[in-house]
Amino acid sequence: MDLMDILQHRHTTKAYDKDRKIPVAIADQLLESLRYSPSSVNSQPWHFFVADNDAGKARIAKATSGLFAFNAPRVMDASHVVVLSARTSLPADYLQTLADQEQADGRYANEEARATAHKGRSGFVGLHEQAGDVPTWTQKQAYIAQGFLLLSAALLGVDATPMEGFDADILSRELGLEEKGLAPAVIVALGYHSDADFNASLPKSRLPEKSIFTHL
């Protein structure tokens, strides 16, 4: 599979074939692409809400009303829809959970290595707490996960639509995000485009290399 071909032909899907569903084996791989996404100091400061049925998608679609109604069909007609949310804080007990998981996964050669890694991560989180930008920082990590999901979908022949066009307050209430210590970052619809997807046949438009790269 040629990477350049994938990059040039993947697109933001505007209309889905609601009768085509993503096979379970492929959907599982897409979720794993989220789980295995990198994050700063392996903080993994996210939670993903997945809807693969009409009832679940309808809950998400509540946030695509009014000004954002144009996104409602993309949510309802897609095979799967994922809400990527980010933690609004990284308390000590959560950081300990990360350290325990890394220990269980064999990341540390000895207790000294574990203590050093835990201290370093806690210190880095502390810097963001002092700066007062933890929610902004964690949202950035969620967007790294989105990038992994979009590229993985393209590699697996699945169409996708990243969406910031939704009412964050409505979505937060519907999914109970605030009480979970989460905030919505972005919604990604996944499935297979329909014939009504005008964007599928349009040429891709990007700024030329010379205008965006400076080789030092």
N, C-alpha and C. Protein backbone atom coordinates (compact mmCIF):
# COMPACT_ATOMS: atom_id res chain seq x y z
N MET A 1 0.86 -1.20 0.00
CA MET A 1 0.00 0.00 0.00
C MET A 1 0.89 1.25 0.00
N ASP A 2 0.66 2.14 -0.92
CA ASP A 2 1.50 3.32 -1.09
C ASP A 2 1.01 4.46 -0.19
N LEU A 3 1.89 4.95 0.69
CA LEU A 3 1.49 6.00 1.62
C LEU A 3 1.06 7.27 0.90
N MET A 4 1.80 7.67 -0.14
CA MET A 4 1.45 8.90 -0.84
C MET A 4 0.07 8.80 -1.49
N ASP A 5 -0.24 7.64 -1.99
CA ASP A 5 -1.57 7.45 -2.58
C ASP A 5 -2.66 7.61 -1.52
N ILE A 6 -2.41 7.05 -0.35
CA ILE A 6 -3.36 7.19 0.76
C ILE A 6 -3.52 8.66 1.15
N LEU A 7 -2.41 9.37 1.29
CA LEU A 7 -2.46 10.77 1.71
C LEU A 7 -3.18 11.65 0.70
N GLN A 8 -3.00 11.35 -0.58
CA GLN A 8 -3.58 12.17 -1.63
C GLN A 8 -5.06 11.88 -1.87
N HIS A 9 -5.52 10.69 -1.48
CA HIS A 9 -6.88 10.31 -1.81
C HIS A 9 -7.83 10.26 -0.61
N ARG A 10 -7.30 10.25 0.62
CA ARG A 10 -8.21 10.34 1.76
C ARG A 10 -8.84 11.73 1.76
N HIS A 11 -10.05 11.84 2.27
CA HIS A 11 -10.73 13.13 2.25
C HIS A 11 -11.73 13.19 3.39
N THR A 12 -12.19 14.39 3.68
CA THR A 12 -13.23 14.56 4.68
C THR A 12 -14.57 14.24 4.05
N THR A 13 -15.17 13.17 4.49
CA THR A 13 -16.41 12.68 3.88
C THR A 13 -17.59 13.58 4.24
N LYS A 14 -18.38 13.92 3.24
CA LYS A 14 -19.51 14.82 3.43
C LYS A 14 -20.85 14.09 3.50
N ALA A 15 -20.91 12.85 3.01
CA ALA A 15 -22.15 12.08 3.04
C ALA A 15 -21.81 10.60 3.11
N TYR A 16 -22.53 9.87 3.95
CA TYR A 16 -22.25 8.45 4.17
C TYR A 16 -23.35 7.55 3.61
N ASP A 17 -22.95 6.34 3.25
CA ASP A 17 -23.88 5.28 2.89
C ASP A 17 -24.31 4.63 4.20
N LYS A 18 -25.51 4.94 4.65
CA LYS A 18 -25.95 4.47 5.97
C LYS A 18 -26.17 2.97 6.03
N ASP A 19 -26.21 2.32 4.87
CA ASP A 19 -26.43 0.87 4.84
C ASP A 19 -25.12 0.08 4.91
N ARG A 20 -23.99 0.75 4.81
CA ARG A 20 -22.69 0.06 4.88
C ARG A 20 -22.09 0.21 6.27
N LYS A 21 -21.79 -0.91 6.88
CA LYS A 21 -21.22 -0.91 8.22
C LYS A 21 -19.77 -1.36 8.19
N ILE A 22 -18.98 -0.81 9.07
CA ILE A 22 -17.59 -1.21 9.18
C ILE A 22 -17.53 -2.60 9.81
N PRO A 23 -16.84 -3.54 9.18
CA PRO A 23 -16.71 -4.87 9.78
C PRO A 23 -16.09 -4.80 11.18
N VAL A 24 -16.51 -5.70 12.04
CA VAL A 24 -16.05 -5.68 13.43
C VAL A 24 -14.53 -5.70 13.53
N ALA A 25 -13.88 -6.54 12.74
CA ALA A 25 -12.42 -6.66 12.82
C ALA A 25 -11.73 -5.34 12.48
N ILE A 26 -12.28 -4.61 11.52
CA ILE A 26 -11.69 -3.33 11.14
C ILE A 26 -12.00 -2.27 12.20
N ALA A 27 -13.23 -2.27 12.71
CA ALA A 27 -13.59 -1.32 13.76
C ALA A 27 -12.70 -1.50 14.99
N ASP A 28 -12.42 -2.75 15.32
CA ASP A 28 -11.54 -3.02 16.46
C ASP A 28 -10.15 -2.44 16.23
N GLN A 29 -9.64 -2.53 15.02
CA GLN A 29 -8.32 -1.97 14.71
C GLN A 29 -8.34 -0.44 14.83
N LEU A 30 -9.43 0.17 14.42
CA LEU A 30 -9.53 1.63 14.51
C LEU A 30 -9.51 2.08 15.97
N LEU A 31 -10.20 1.34 16.83
CA LEU A 31 -10.18 1.69 18.25
C LEU A 31 -8.79 1.48 18.84
N GLU A 32 -8.11 0.45 18.38
CA GLU A 32 -6.74 0.23 18.85
C GLU A 32 -5.81 1.35 18.41
N SER A 33 -6.08 1.94 17.25
CA SER A 33 -5.25 3.06 16.81
C SER A 33 -5.37 4.23 17.78
N LEU A 34 -6.53 4.39 18.39
CA LEU A 34 -6.71 5.41 19.41
C LEU A 34 -5.96 5.03 20.68
N ARG A 35 -6.10 3.79 21.09
CA ARG A 35 -5.46 3.35 22.33
C ARG A 35 -3.95 3.42 22.26
N TYR A 36 -3.40 3.15 21.09
CA TYR A 36 -1.95 3.15 20.92
C TYR A 36 -1.38 4.50 20.46
N SER A 37 -2.20 5.52 20.42
CA SER A 37 -1.71 6.84 20.03
C SER A 37 -0.70 7.35 21.05
N PRO A 38 0.30 8.09 20.61
CA PRO A 38 1.27 8.66 21.54
C PRO A 38 0.69 9.87 22.26
N SER A 39 1.25 10.17 23.41
CA SER A 39 0.86 11.37 24.16
C SER A 39 2.04 11.84 24.98
N SER A 40 2.06 13.11 25.31
CA SER A 40 3.15 13.68 26.09
C SER A 40 3.31 12.94 27.41
N VAL A 41 4.53 12.54 27.71
CA VAL A 41 4.90 11.75 28.89
C VAL A 41 3.96 10.56 29.10
N ASN A 42 3.45 10.01 28.00
CA ASN A 42 2.53 8.87 28.05
C ASN A 42 1.36 9.13 29.00
N SER A 43 0.88 10.37 28.99
CA SER A 43 -0.19 10.75 29.92
C SER A 43 -1.55 10.17 29.54
N GLN A 44 -1.73 9.85 28.27
CA GLN A 44 -2.99 9.25 27.80
C GLN A 44 -4.22 9.96 28.40
N PRO A 45 -4.28 11.29 28.29
CA PRO A 45 -5.30 12.05 29.02
C PRO A 45 -6.63 12.14 28.28
N TRP A 46 -7.17 11.00 27.91
CA TRP A 46 -8.35 11.00 27.06
C TRP A 46 -9.34 9.91 27.42
N HIS A 47 -10.52 10.04 26.88
CA HIS A 47 -11.52 8.97 26.94
C HIS A 47 -12.32 9.07 25.65
N PHE A 48 -12.65 7.91 25.07
CA PHE A 48 -13.32 7.86 23.78
C PHE A 48 -14.71 7.24 23.92
N PHE A 49 -15.72 7.96 23.48
CA PHE A 49 -17.09 7.46 23.49
C PHE A 49 -17.43 6.98 22.08
N VAL A 50 -17.82 5.73 21.95
CA VAL A 50 -18.02 5.11 20.64
C VAL A 50 -19.49 4.75 20.46
N ALA A 51 -20.08 5.19 19.36
CA ALA A 51 -21.46 4.85 19.03
C ALA A 51 -21.48 4.09 17.71
N ASP A 52 -22.04 2.87 17.73
CA ASP A 52 -22.14 2.07 16.51
C ASP A 52 -23.58 1.63 16.26
N ASN A 53 -24.53 2.32 16.90
CA ASN A 53 -25.95 2.03 16.68
C ASN A 53 -26.72 3.35 16.66
N ASP A 54 -27.95 3.28 16.20
CA ASP A 54 -28.74 4.51 16.03
C ASP A 54 -28.97 5.24 17.35
N ALA A 55 -29.20 4.48 18.43
CA ALA A 55 -29.48 5.13 19.71
C ALA A 55 -28.26 5.91 20.20
N GLY A 56 -27.10 5.31 20.09
CA GLY A 56 -25.88 6.00 20.51
C GLY A 56 -25.57 7.19 19.65
N LYS A 57 -25.73 7.03 18.34
CA LYS A 57 -25.46 8.14 17.44
C LYS A 57 -26.45 9.28 17.66
N ALA A 58 -27.67 8.95 18.01
CA ALA A 58 -28.68 9.98 18.25
C ALA A 58 -28.31 10.83 19.46
N ARG A 59 -27.69 10.22 20.45
CA ARG A 59 -27.26 10.99 21.62
C ARG A 59 -26.20 12.01 21.22
N ILE A 60 -25.27 11.59 20.38
CA ILE A 60 -24.23 12.50 19.93
C ILE A 60 -24.82 13.58 19.02
N ALA A 61 -25.77 13.18 18.18
CA ALA A 61 -26.38 14.11 17.22
C ALA A 61 -27.15 15.23 17.90
N LYS A 62 -27.51 15.07 19.16
CA LYS A 62 -28.17 16.16 19.88
C LYS A 62 -27.31 17.43 19.87
N ALA A 63 -26.01 17.24 19.81
CA ALA A 63 -25.08 18.37 19.82
C ALA A 63 -24.89 18.98 18.44
N THR A 64 -25.55 18.40 17.43
CA THR A 64 -25.44 18.93 16.07
C THR A 64 -26.77 19.52 15.63
N SER A 65 -27.34 20.31 16.50
CA SER A 65 -28.60 20.99 16.18
C SER A 65 -28.31 22.45 15.92
N GLY A 66 -29.34 23.17 15.45
CA GLY A 66 -29.21 24.61 15.23
C GLY A 66 -28.09 24.94 14.25
N LEU A 67 -27.15 25.73 14.69
CA LEU A 67 -26.05 26.19 13.85
C LEU A 67 -25.25 25.03 13.26
N PHE A 68 -25.24 23.89 13.96
CA PHE A 68 -24.41 22.77 13.53
C PHE A 68 -25.22 21.64 12.88
N ALA A 69 -26.43 21.95 12.44
CA ALA A 69 -27.32 20.93 11.88
C ALA A 69 -26.74 20.25 10.64
N PHE A 70 -25.83 20.93 9.95
CA PHE A 70 -25.25 20.33 8.75
C PHE A 70 -24.45 19.06 9.07
N ASN A 71 -24.04 18.91 10.32
CA ASN A 71 -23.28 17.71 10.69
C ASN A 71 -24.15 16.55 11.16
N ALA A 72 -25.42 16.82 11.41
CA ALA A 72 -26.30 15.77 11.93
C ALA A 72 -26.38 14.54 11.02
N PRO A 73 -26.56 14.70 9.69
CA PRO A 73 -26.60 13.50 8.84
C PRO A 73 -25.29 12.72 8.85
N ARG A 74 -24.18 13.40 8.99
CA ARG A 74 -22.89 12.70 9.02
C ARG A 74 -22.77 11.85 10.27
N VAL A 75 -23.34 12.34 11.36
CA VAL A 75 -23.34 11.55 12.60
C VAL A 75 -24.30 10.37 12.47
N MET A 76 -25.49 10.61 11.99
CA MET A 76 -26.51 9.56 11.98
C MET A 76 -26.30 8.53 10.89
N ASP A 77 -25.72 8.91 9.76
CA ASP A 77 -25.57 7.98 8.64
C ASP A 77 -24.26 7.20 8.66
N ALA A 78 -23.28 7.67 9.44
CA ALA A 78 -22.00 6.96 9.52
C ALA A 78 -22.18 5.62 10.21
N SER A 79 -21.24 4.73 9.98
CA SER A 79 -21.27 3.43 10.64
C SER A 79 -20.95 3.56 12.12
N HIS A 80 -19.88 4.28 12.41
CA HIS A 80 -19.43 4.48 13.79
C HIS A 80 -19.13 5.97 14.00
N VAL A 81 -19.34 6.43 15.20
CA VAL A 81 -19.00 7.80 15.56
C VAL A 81 -18.25 7.78 16.89
N VAL A 82 -17.15 8.51 16.93
CA VAL A 82 -16.32 8.55 18.14
C VAL A 82 -16.24 9.98 18.65
N VAL A 83 -16.52 10.16 19.92
CA VAL A 83 -16.30 11.44 20.59
C VAL A 83 -14.98 11.33 21.33
N LEU A 84 -14.02 12.15 20.94
CA LEU A 84 -12.74 12.19 21.62
C LEU A 84 -12.81 13.27 22.69
N SER A 85 -12.66 12.87 23.93
CA SER A 85 -12.71 13.82 25.03
C SER A 85 -11.37 13.82 25.76
N ALA A 86 -11.07 14.92 26.43
CA ALA A 86 -9.79 15.09 27.11
C ALA A 86 -10.01 15.35 28.60
N ARG A 87 -9.12 14.83 29.40
CA ARG A 87 -9.19 15.07 30.84
C ARG A 87 -8.93 16.55 31.14
N THR A 88 -9.63 17.06 32.10
CA THR A 88 -9.46 18.46 32.49
C THR A 88 -8.45 18.61 33.62
N SER A 89 -8.05 17.51 34.22
CA SER A 89 -7.01 17.52 35.25
C SER A 89 -6.34 16.15 35.26
N LEU A 90 -5.13 16.11 35.81
CA LEU A 90 -4.38 14.86 35.91
C LEU A 90 -3.94 14.71 37.37
N PRO A 91 -4.87 14.28 38.23
CA PRO A 91 -4.57 14.18 39.66
C PRO A 91 -3.58 13.06 39.97
N ALA A 92 -3.09 13.07 41.20
CA ALA A 92 -2.06 12.13 41.61
C ALA A 92 -2.50 10.68 41.46
N ASP A 93 -3.77 10.38 41.78
CA ASP A 93 -4.21 8.99 41.68
C ASP A 93 -4.22 8.50 40.23
N TYR A 94 -4.50 9.41 39.28
CA TYR A 94 -4.46 9.01 37.87
C TYR A 94 -3.01 8.78 37.43
N LEU A 95 -2.11 9.63 37.86
CA LEU A 95 -0.70 9.45 37.51
C LEU A 95 -0.17 8.14 38.09
N GLN A 96 -0.67 7.77 39.28
CA GLN A 96 -0.26 6.48 39.86
C GLN A 96 -0.80 5.32 39.04
N THR A 97 -2.00 5.47 38.52
CA THR A 97 -2.57 4.43 37.65
C THR A 97 -1.70 4.22 36.42
N LEU A 98 -1.20 5.30 35.85
CA LEU A 98 -0.31 5.19 34.70
C LEU A 98 0.97 4.45 35.07
N ALA A 99 1.54 4.81 36.21
CA ALA A 99 2.77 4.16 36.65
C ALA A 99 2.56 2.68 36.90
N ASP A 100 1.42 2.34 37.50
CA ASP A 100 1.12 0.93 37.77
C ASP A 100 0.96 0.15 36.48
N GLN A 101 0.31 0.76 35.48
CA GLN A 101 0.13 0.09 34.19
C GLN A 101 1.46 -0.12 33.49
N GLU A 102 2.30 0.88 33.53
CA GLU A 102 3.62 0.75 32.91
C GLU A 102 4.43 -0.35 33.60
N GLN A 103 4.30 -0.44 34.92
CA GLN A 103 4.97 -1.51 35.65
C GLN A 103 4.45 -2.87 35.21
N ALA A 104 3.14 -3.00 35.10
CA ALA A 104 2.54 -4.27 34.68
C ALA A 104 2.93 -4.65 33.26
N ASP A 105 3.16 -3.64 32.43
CA ASP A 105 3.52 -3.89 31.03
C ASP A 105 5.02 -4.07 30.82
N GLY A 106 5.78 -4.06 31.91
CA GLY A 106 7.21 -4.32 31.81
C GLY A 106 8.04 -3.16 31.33
N ARG A 107 7.60 -1.94 31.60
CA ARG A 107 8.32 -0.77 31.12
C ARG A 107 9.55 -0.44 31.96
N TYR A 108 9.61 -0.95 33.19
CA TYR A 108 10.68 -0.55 34.10
C TYR A 108 11.63 -1.70 34.38
N ALA A 109 12.93 -1.39 34.32
CA ALA A 109 13.94 -2.41 34.62
C ALA A 109 14.02 -2.68 36.11
N ASN A 110 13.74 -1.67 36.92
CA ASN A 110 13.82 -1.83 38.37
C ASN A 110 13.00 -0.71 39.02
N GLU A 111 12.95 -0.74 40.36
CA GLU A 111 12.14 0.23 41.09
C GLU A 111 12.68 1.65 40.92
N GLU A 112 13.99 1.78 40.78
CA GLU A 112 14.57 3.11 40.59
C GLU A 112 14.09 3.73 39.28
N ALA A 113 14.04 2.91 38.22
CA ALA A 113 13.57 3.40 36.93
C ALA A 113 12.10 3.82 37.02
N ARG A 114 11.32 3.03 37.74
CA ARG A 114 9.90 3.36 37.92
C ARG A 114 9.75 4.69 38.66
N ALA A 115 10.50 4.85 39.74
CA ALA A 115 10.39 6.07 40.54
C ALA A 115 10.83 7.30 39.75
N THR A 116 11.87 7.14 38.95
CA THR A 116 12.37 8.25 38.13
C THR A 116 11.34 8.67 37.09
N ALA A 117 10.74 7.68 36.42
CA ALA A 117 9.74 7.98 35.39
C ALA A 117 8.51 8.65 36.02
N HIS A 118 8.08 8.14 37.16
CA HIS A 118 6.90 8.70 37.81
C HIS A 118 7.16 10.13 38.28
N LYS A 119 8.34 10.37 38.81
CA LYS A 119 8.69 11.71 39.26
C LYS A 119 8.76 12.68 38.09
N GLY A 120 9.35 12.23 36.97
CA GLY A 120 9.45 13.08 35.80
C GLY A 120 8.10 13.46 35.24
N ARG A 121 7.21 12.47 35.14
CA ARG A 121 5.87 12.75 34.60
C ARG A 121 5.10 13.67 35.54
N SER A 122 5.17 13.41 36.82
CA SER A 122 4.46 14.25 37.79
C SER A 122 4.98 15.68 37.74
N GLY A 123 6.31 15.81 37.57
CA GLY A 123 6.89 17.14 37.48
C GLY A 123 6.43 17.89 36.25
N PHE A 124 6.33 17.18 35.14
CA PHE A 124 5.88 17.82 33.90
C PHE A 124 4.43 18.24 34.02
N VAL A 125 3.61 17.39 34.60
CA VAL A 125 2.20 17.76 34.83
C VAL A 125 2.14 18.98 35.74
N GLY A 126 3.02 19.00 36.75
CA GLY A 126 3.04 20.13 37.66
C GLY A 126 3.34 21.45 36.97
N LEU A 127 4.21 21.41 35.97
CA LEU A 127 4.51 22.61 35.22
C LEU A 127 3.26 23.15 34.52
N HIS A 128 2.46 22.25 33.97
CA HIS A 128 1.23 22.68 33.30
C HIS A 128 0.19 23.15 34.31
N GLU A 129 0.18 22.53 35.48
CA GLU A 129 -0.73 22.99 36.52
C GLU A 129 -0.37 24.41 36.96
N GLN A 130 0.92 24.68 37.10
CA GLN A 130 1.36 26.02 37.47
C GLN A 130 1.02 27.03 36.38
N ALA A 131 1.12 26.60 35.13
CA ALA A 131 0.79 27.50 34.01
C ALA A 131 -0.71 27.65 33.82
N GLY A 132 -1.47 26.78 34.44
CA GLY A 132 -2.93 26.84 34.33
C GLY A 132 -3.47 26.42 32.98
N ASP A 133 -2.71 25.57 32.26
CA ASP A 133 -3.14 25.20 30.91
C ASP A 133 -3.33 23.68 30.73
N VAL A 134 -3.59 22.98 31.83
CA VAL A 134 -3.77 21.52 31.71
C VAL A 134 -4.86 21.15 30.70
N PRO A 135 -6.06 21.77 30.75
CA PRO A 135 -7.09 21.40 29.78
C PRO A 135 -6.66 21.63 28.33
N THR A 136 -5.94 22.73 28.10
CA THR A 136 -5.46 23.00 26.74
C THR A 136 -4.44 21.95 26.32
N TRP A 137 -3.55 21.60 27.21
CA TRP A 137 -2.51 20.61 26.94
C TRP A 137 -3.12 19.25 26.63
N THR A 138 -4.12 18.84 27.42
CA THR A 138 -4.72 17.52 27.19
C THR A 138 -5.53 17.49 25.90
N GLN A 139 -6.14 18.62 25.55
CA GLN A 139 -6.84 18.68 24.26
C GLN A 139 -5.88 18.47 23.11
N LYS A 140 -4.67 19.02 23.22
CA LYS A 140 -3.67 18.81 22.18
C LYS A 140 -3.34 17.33 22.03
N GLN A 141 -3.28 16.63 23.15
CA GLN A 141 -2.99 15.19 23.08
C GLN A 141 -4.13 14.44 22.39
N ALA A 142 -5.36 14.87 22.65
CA ALA A 142 -6.52 14.24 22.01
C ALA A 142 -6.46 14.40 20.49
N TYR A 143 -5.92 15.53 20.04
CA TYR A 143 -5.82 15.75 18.60
C TYR A 143 -4.72 14.89 17.97
N ILE A 144 -3.71 14.52 18.76
CA ILE A 144 -2.75 13.55 18.25
C ILE A 144 -3.46 12.23 17.99
N ALA A 145 -4.32 11.82 18.93
CA ALA A 145 -5.09 10.59 18.76
C ALA A 145 -5.99 10.67 17.54
N GLN A 146 -6.59 11.84 17.32
CA GLN A 146 -7.42 12.00 16.13
C GLN A 146 -6.61 11.77 14.86
N GLY A 147 -5.41 12.30 14.81
CA GLY A 147 -4.56 12.11 13.63
C GLY A 147 -4.27 10.65 13.39
N PHE A 148 -3.99 9.91 14.45
CA PHE A 148 -3.75 8.47 14.30
C PHE A 148 -5.01 7.77 13.78
N LEU A 149 -6.17 8.16 14.29
CA LEU A 149 -7.41 7.54 13.84
C LEU A 149 -7.68 7.83 12.38
N LEU A 150 -7.49 9.06 11.94
CA LEU A 150 -7.78 9.42 10.55
C LEU A 150 -6.85 8.69 9.58
N LEU A 151 -5.56 8.62 9.92
CA LEU A 151 -4.64 7.92 9.03
C LEU A 151 -4.91 6.42 9.04
N SER A 152 -5.20 5.87 10.21
CA SER A 152 -5.51 4.44 10.28
C SER A 152 -6.75 4.11 9.47
N ALA A 153 -7.75 4.97 9.55
CA ALA A 153 -8.97 4.75 8.76
C ALA A 153 -8.65 4.72 7.28
N ALA A 154 -7.86 5.68 6.82
CA ALA A 154 -7.51 5.73 5.41
C ALA A 154 -6.74 4.49 4.99
N LEU A 155 -5.83 4.03 5.81
CA LEU A 155 -5.05 2.83 5.50
C LEU A 155 -5.93 1.58 5.42
N LEU A 156 -7.02 1.59 6.19
CA LEU A 156 -7.92 0.43 6.22
C LEU A 156 -9.10 0.59 5.25
N GLY A 157 -9.08 1.64 4.44
CA GLY A 157 -10.14 1.84 3.45
C GLY A 157 -11.44 2.34 4.03
N VAL A 158 -11.36 3.01 5.17
CA VAL A 158 -12.55 3.55 5.83
C VAL A 158 -12.56 5.07 5.68
N ASP A 159 -13.70 5.63 5.35
CA ASP A 159 -13.84 7.08 5.22
C ASP A 159 -14.08 7.70 6.59
N ALA A 160 -13.75 8.98 6.71
CA ALA A 160 -13.87 9.63 8.02
C ALA A 160 -14.20 11.11 7.88
N THR A 161 -14.80 11.65 8.93
CA THR A 161 -15.13 13.07 8.99
C THR A 161 -14.81 13.61 10.38
N PRO A 162 -13.74 14.39 10.53
CA PRO A 162 -13.49 15.05 11.81
C PRO A 162 -14.39 16.27 11.93
N MET A 163 -15.00 16.45 13.10
CA MET A 163 -15.97 17.53 13.26
C MET A 163 -15.73 18.31 14.55
N GLU A 164 -15.54 19.61 14.40
CA GLU A 164 -15.56 20.52 15.54
C GLU A 164 -16.88 21.28 15.59
N GLY A 165 -17.71 21.07 14.57
CA GLY A 165 -19.00 21.75 14.49
C GLY A 165 -20.05 21.04 15.34
N PHE A 166 -20.02 21.30 16.63
CA PHE A 166 -21.02 20.74 17.55
C PHE A 166 -21.10 21.64 18.77
N ASP A 167 -22.20 21.52 19.50
CA ASP A 167 -22.40 22.31 20.71
C ASP A 167 -21.76 21.56 21.87
N ALA A 168 -20.64 22.07 22.36
CA ALA A 168 -19.89 21.38 23.41
C ALA A 168 -20.70 21.25 24.70
N ASP A 169 -21.50 22.25 25.02
CA ASP A 169 -22.29 22.20 26.26
C ASP A 169 -23.33 21.09 26.19
N ILE A 170 -24.00 20.99 25.04
CA ILE A 170 -25.01 19.94 24.88
C ILE A 170 -24.36 18.56 24.97
N LEU A 171 -23.25 18.40 24.29
CA LEU A 171 -22.58 17.10 24.30
C LEU A 171 -22.07 16.76 25.69
N SER A 172 -21.55 17.74 26.39
CA SER A 172 -21.06 17.50 27.76
C SER A 172 -22.18 17.05 28.67
N ARG A 173 -23.34 17.68 28.55
CA ARG A 173 -24.48 17.28 29.38
C ARG A 173 -24.96 15.89 29.01
N GLU A 174 -25.05 15.62 27.73
CA GLU A 174 -25.58 14.33 27.28
C GLU A 174 -24.71 13.17 27.74
N LEU A 175 -23.40 13.35 27.71
CA LEU A 175 -22.49 12.26 28.07
C LEU A 175 -21.97 12.37 29.50
N GLY A 176 -22.43 13.39 30.23
CA GLY A 176 -21.99 13.56 31.61
C GLY A 176 -20.50 13.77 31.73
N LEU A 177 -19.95 14.58 30.83
CA LEU A 177 -18.50 14.73 30.77
C LEU A 177 -17.92 15.49 31.96
N GLU A 178 -18.56 16.55 32.36
CA GLU A 178 -17.98 17.39 33.42
C GLU A 178 -17.78 16.60 34.71
N GLU A 179 -18.79 15.81 35.08
CA GLU A 179 -18.67 15.04 36.32
C GLU A 179 -17.63 13.92 36.20
N LYS A 180 -17.27 13.57 34.98
CA LYS A 180 -16.22 12.57 34.76
C LYS A 180 -14.84 13.22 34.64
N GLY A 181 -14.79 14.54 34.77
CA GLY A 181 -13.52 15.23 34.63
C GLY A 181 -13.03 15.30 33.20
N LEU A 182 -13.97 15.38 32.26
CA LEU A 182 -13.64 15.38 30.84
C LEU A 182 -14.25 16.59 30.13
N ALA A 183 -13.70 16.92 28.99
CA ALA A 183 -14.25 17.96 28.12
C ALA A 183 -14.17 17.44 26.68
N PRO A 184 -15.19 17.71 25.85
CA PRO A 184 -15.16 17.22 24.47
C PRO A 184 -14.10 17.93 23.65
N ALA A 185 -13.42 17.18 22.80
CA ALA A 185 -12.41 17.77 21.92
C ALA A 185 -12.90 17.81 20.48
N VAL A 186 -13.26 16.65 19.95
CA VAL A 186 -13.64 16.56 18.55
C VAL A 186 -14.46 15.30 18.34
N ILE A 187 -15.31 15.31 17.33
CA ILE A 187 -16.11 14.13 16.95
C ILE A 187 -15.57 13.62 15.62
N VAL A 188 -15.44 12.30 15.49
CA VAL A 188 -15.02 11.71 14.22
C VAL A 188 -16.06 10.67 13.79
N ALA A 189 -16.65 10.89 12.62
CA ALA A 189 -17.55 9.91 12.02
C ALA A 189 -16.73 8.98 11.13
N LEU A 190 -17.12 7.70 11.10
CA LEU A 190 -16.39 6.69 10.34
C LEU A 190 -17.37 5.82 9.57
N GLY A 191 -17.02 5.47 8.36
CA GLY A 191 -17.90 4.62 7.55
C GLY A 191 -17.45 4.61 6.10
N TYR A 192 -18.42 4.59 5.19
CA TYR A 192 -18.12 4.54 3.76
C TYR A 192 -18.98 5.57 3.05
N HIS A 193 -18.35 6.39 2.22
CA HIS A 193 -19.08 7.50 1.61
C HIS A 193 -20.12 7.02 0.61
N SER A 194 -21.12 7.83 0.43
CA SER A 194 -22.18 7.55 -0.54
C SER A 194 -21.93 8.32 -1.82
N ASP A 195 -22.77 8.09 -2.82
CA ASP A 195 -22.64 8.81 -4.09
C ASP A 195 -22.88 10.31 -3.92
N ALA A 196 -23.53 10.70 -2.83
CA ALA A 196 -23.81 12.11 -2.58
C ALA A 196 -22.61 12.85 -2.00
N ASP A 197 -21.53 12.14 -1.75
CA ASP A 197 -20.33 12.75 -1.18
C ASP A 197 -19.54 13.46 -2.28
N PHE A 198 -19.84 14.72 -2.50
CA PHE A 198 -19.19 15.50 -3.57
C PHE A 198 -17.69 15.63 -3.36
N ASN A 199 -17.27 15.58 -2.10
CA ASN A 199 -15.85 15.80 -1.81
C ASN A 199 -14.96 14.63 -2.24
N ALA A 200 -15.59 13.47 -2.45
CA ALA A 200 -14.81 12.28 -2.81
C ALA A 200 -14.14 12.42 -4.17
N SER A 201 -14.74 13.19 -5.07
CA SER A 201 -14.21 13.29 -6.43
C SER A 201 -13.45 14.59 -6.69
N LEU A 202 -13.40 15.46 -5.71
CA LEU A 202 -12.71 16.73 -5.92
C LEU A 202 -11.19 16.56 -5.75
N PRO A 203 -10.41 17.30 -6.53
CA PRO A 203 -8.96 17.23 -6.35
C PRO A 203 -8.58 17.84 -5.01
N LYS A 204 -7.53 17.29 -4.41
CA LYS A 204 -7.07 17.82 -3.13
C LYS A 204 -6.33 19.14 -3.36
N SER A 205 -6.52 20.07 -2.46
CA SER A 205 -5.86 21.37 -2.58
C SER A 205 -5.01 21.63 -1.35
N ARG A 206 -3.71 21.81 -1.56
CA ARG A 206 -2.78 22.12 -0.48
C ARG A 206 -1.81 23.19 -0.95
N LEU A 207 -1.32 23.99 -0.04
CA LEU A 207 -0.31 24.99 -0.38
C LEU A 207 0.94 24.30 -0.89
N PRO A 208 1.67 24.94 -1.79
CA PRO A 208 2.87 24.31 -2.35
C PRO A 208 3.96 24.13 -1.30
N GLU A 209 4.82 23.15 -1.55
CA GLU A 209 5.88 22.81 -0.61
C GLU A 209 6.72 24.01 -0.21
N LYS A 210 7.07 24.83 -1.21
CA LYS A 210 7.99 25.94 -0.93
C LYS A 210 7.41 26.97 0.02
N SER A 211 6.08 26.99 0.16
CA SER A 211 5.47 27.99 1.01
C SER A 211 5.28 27.52 2.46
N ILE A 212 5.47 26.23 2.70
CA ILE A 212 5.23 25.74 4.06
C ILE A 212 6.44 25.04 4.68
N PHE A 213 7.50 24.80 3.89
CA PHE A 213 8.70 24.16 4.44
C PHE A 213 9.89 25.11 4.34
N THR A 214 10.65 25.15 5.41
CA THR A 214 11.94 25.84 5.39
C THR A 214 12.99 24.82 5.80
N HIS A 215 13.88 24.47 4.90
CA HIS A 215 14.92 23.50 5.19
C HIS A 215 16.13 24.22 5.74
N LEU A 216 16.53 23.86 6.93
CA LEU A 216 17.63 24.54 7.63
C LEU A 216 18.96 23.84 7.37
